[in-house]
C-alpha atoms as a PDB file:
ATOM      1  CA  MET A   1     -40.995  49.596  40.143  1.00  0.00           C
ATOM      2  CA  SER A   2     -39.081  52.255  41.976  1.00  0.00           C
ATOM      3  CA  TYR A   3     -35.635  53.492  41.079  1.00  0.00           C
ATOM      4  CA  GLU A   4     -34.385  52.054  44.372  1.00  0.00           C
ATOM      5  CA  LYS A   5     -35.566  48.540  43.471  1.00  0.00           C
ATOM      6  CA  ILE A   6     -33.892  48.759  40.070  1.00  0.00           C
ATOM      7  CA  LYS A   7     -30.698  49.912  41.749  1.00  0.00           C
ATOM      8  CA  GLU A   8     -30.842  46.955  44.169  1.00  0.00           C
ATOM      9  CA  GLU A   9     -31.297  44.451  41.327  1.00  0.00           C
ATOM     10  CA  PHE A  10     -28.565  46.168  39.338  1.00  0.00           C
ATOM     11  CA  ILE A  11     -26.085  45.931  42.222  1.00  0.00           C
ATOM     12  CA  LYS A  12     -27.005  42.308  42.894  1.00  0.00           C
ATOM     13  CA  ASN A  13     -26.426  41.384  39.254  1.00  0.00           C
ATOM     14  CA  ALA A  14     -23.127  43.283  39.014  1.00  0.00           C
ATOM     15  CA  GLU A  15     -21.795  41.679  42.187  1.00  0.00           C
ATOM     16  CA  ALA A  16     -22.797  38.221  40.938  1.00  0.00           C
ATOM     17  CA  TYR A  17     -20.875  38.914  37.713  1.00  0.00           C
ATOM     18  CA  ILE A  18     -17.763  39.972  39.631  1.00  0.00           C
ATOM     19  CA  ASN A  19     -17.954  36.978  41.968  1.00  0.00           C
ATOM     20  CA  ALA A  20     -18.367  34.546  39.080  1.00  0.00           C
ATOM     21  CA  LYS A  21     -15.401  36.023  37.222  1.00  0.00           C
ATOM     22  CA  ARG A  22     -13.204  35.970  40.348  1.00  0.00           C
ATOM     23  CA  GLN A  23     -14.152  32.484  41.497  1.00  0.00           C
ATOM     24  CA  PRO A  24     -11.289  30.772  39.593  1.00  0.00           C
ATOM     25  CA  PHE A  25      -8.786  32.879  41.584  1.00  0.00           C
ATOM     26  CA  GLU A  26      -9.416  30.691  44.637  1.00  0.00           C
ATOM     27  CA  LYS A  27      -7.900  27.652  42.917  1.00  0.00           C
ATOM     28  CA  LEU A  28      -4.811  29.370  41.527  1.00  0.00           C
ATOM     29  CA  SER A  29      -1.500  30.583  42.873  1.00  0.00           C
ATOM     30  CA  GLY A  30       1.746  32.047  41.656  1.00  0.00           C
ATOM     31  CA  ILE A  31       2.073  33.062  38.026  1.00  0.00           C
ATOM     32  CA  GLU A  32      -1.231  31.359  37.151  1.00  0.00           C
ATOM     33  CA  LEU A  33      -3.022  33.649  39.608  1.00  0.00           C
ATOM     34  CA  VAL A  34      -1.218  36.705  38.236  1.00  0.00           C
ATOM     35  CA  ASP A  35      -2.175  35.710  34.687  1.00  0.00           C
ATOM     36  CA  ALA A  36      -5.804  35.094  35.684  1.00  0.00           C
ATOM     37  CA  LYS A  37      -6.050  38.469  37.408  1.00  0.00           C
ATOM     38  CA  SER A  38      -4.475  40.178  34.407  1.00  0.00           C
ATOM     39  CA  HIS A  39      -6.951  38.514  32.060  1.00  0.00           C
ATOM     40  CA  TYR A  40      -9.791  39.481  34.414  1.00  0.00           C
ATOM     41  CA  LEU A  41      -8.692  43.123  34.413  1.00  0.00           C
ATOM     42  CA  ASP A  42      -8.454  43.051  30.610  1.00  0.00           C
ATOM     43  CA  GLY A  43     -12.199  42.320  30.689  1.00  0.00           C
ATOM     44  CA  PHE A  44     -13.060  45.699  32.229  1.00  0.00           C
ATOM     45  CA  GLN A  45     -14.693  47.037  29.060  1.00  0.00           C
ATOM     46  CA  GLU A  46     -16.732  43.828  28.774  1.00  0.00           C
ATOM     47  CA  TYR A  47     -17.901  44.420  32.360  1.00  0.00           C
ATOM     48  CA  ILE A  48     -18.936  47.999  31.588  1.00  0.00           C
ATOM     49  CA  THR A  49     -20.859  46.745  28.552  1.00  0.00           C
ATOM     50  CA  HIS A  50     -22.489  44.135  30.780  1.00  0.00           C
ATOM     51  CA  LEU A  51     -23.518  46.818  33.286  1.00  0.00           C
ATOM     52  CA  ASN A  52     -25.109  48.900  30.541  1.00  0.00           C
ATOM     53  CA  PHE A  53     -26.911  45.863  29.141  1.00  0.00           C
ATOM     54  CA  ILE A  54     -28.257  44.850  32.565  1.00  0.00           C
ATOM     55  CA  LEU A  55     -29.419  48.353  33.402  1.00  0.00           C
ATOM     56  CA  ASN A  56     -31.243  48.666  30.083  1.00  0.00           C
ATOM     57  CA  ALA A  57     -32.778  45.213  30.554  1.00  0.00           C
ATOM     58  CA  LEU A  58     -34.038  46.146  34.019  1.00  0.00           C
ATOM     59  CA  ILE A  59     -35.567  49.356  32.671  1.00  0.00           C
ATOM     60  CA  ASP A  60     -37.302  47.383  29.923  1.00  0.00           C
ATOM     61  CA  GLU A  61     -38.336  44.507  32.182  1.00  0.00           C
ATOM     62  CA  HIS A  62     -39.932  46.784  34.726  1.00  0.00           C
ATOM     63  CA  LEU A  63     -41.479  49.043  32.114  1.00  0.00           C
ATOM     64  CA  ILE A  64     -39.939  52.234  33.422  1.00  0.00           C
ATOM     65  CA  PRO A  65     -41.394  54.909  31.169  1.00  0.00           C
ATOM     66  CA  PHE A  66     -39.320  57.997  30.624  1.00  0.00           C
ATOM     67  CA  GLN A  67     -41.821  60.517  29.376  1.00  0.00           C
ATOM     68  CA  THR A  68     -39.289  63.279  28.993  1.00  0.00           C
ATOM     69  CA  LEU A  69     -35.576  63.689  28.567  1.00  0.00           C
ATOM     70  CA  GLU A  70     -35.532  65.291  32.008  1.00  0.00           C
ATOM     71  CA  GLU A  71     -36.906  62.089  33.575  1.00  0.00           C
ATOM     72  CA  ALA A  72     -34.255  60.025  31.817  1.00  0.00           C
ATOM     73  CA  ASN A  73     -31.539  62.447  32.943  1.00  0.00           C
ATOM     74  CA  THR A  74     -32.830  62.298  36.531  1.00  0.00           C
ATOM     75  CA  PHE A  75     -32.620  58.510  36.499  1.00  0.00           C
ATOM     76  CA  GLN A  76     -29.160  58.639  34.956  1.00  0.00           C
ATOM     77  CA  ALA A  77     -27.987  61.058  37.658  1.00  0.00           C
ATOM     78  CA  TYR A  78     -29.499  58.789  40.319  1.00  0.00           C
ATOM     79  CA  MET A  79     -27.674  55.721  38.979  1.00  0.00           C
ATOM     80  CA  LYS A  80     -24.332  57.386  38.218  1.00  0.00           C
ATOM     81  CA  PRO A  81     -22.806  56.994  41.715  1.00  0.00           C
ATOM     82  CA  THR A  82     -23.846  53.334  41.800  1.00  0.00           C
ATOM     83  CA  PHE A  83     -22.369  52.726  38.367  1.00  0.00           C
ATOM     84  CA  GLU A  84     -19.115  54.388  39.443  1.00  0.00           C
ATOM     85  CA  ASN A  85     -18.960  52.325  42.657  1.00  0.00           C
ATOM     86  CA  LEU A  86     -19.532  49.105  40.748  1.00  0.00           C
ATOM     87  CA  SER A  87     -16.845  50.087  38.259  1.00  0.00           C
ATOM     88  CA  LYS A  88     -14.389  50.508  41.128  1.00  0.00           C
ATOM     89  CA  LYS A  89     -15.526  47.272  42.735  1.00  0.00           C
ATOM     90  CA  PHE A  90     -14.456  45.382  39.602  1.00  0.00           C
ATOM     91  CA  THR A  91     -10.803  46.264  40.292  1.00  0.00           C
ATOM     92  CA  GLU A  92     -11.049  46.276  44.083  1.00  0.00           C
ATOM     93  CA  GLY A  93      -8.144  44.467  45.684  1.00  0.00           C
ATOM     94  CA  LEU A  94      -6.383  43.894  42.368  1.00  0.00           C
ATOM     95  CA  ILE A  95      -4.862  47.283  41.665  1.00  0.00           C
ATOM     96  CA  ASP A  96      -2.765  49.153  44.236  1.00  0.00           C
END
């Protein structure tokens, strides 16, 4: 599987995670909504851990062999902007 396909699956999974975690916001208002958003934002480190877990699982699932450290570093450099964008997306619209 190509790096691009892994990236697509990675993004899809991360966005599904965000959407699932934000879904309760639709039913809340006032202080309950503020509390829910605060609790959500407190879960940022959990989200980052989830992203790492999913990326590693995709690499394993699709048997991406890194023969050298250089290959692994190339993949890491390729994924870094996506990881950063997904990290920002977690807080999008919640932090001014």
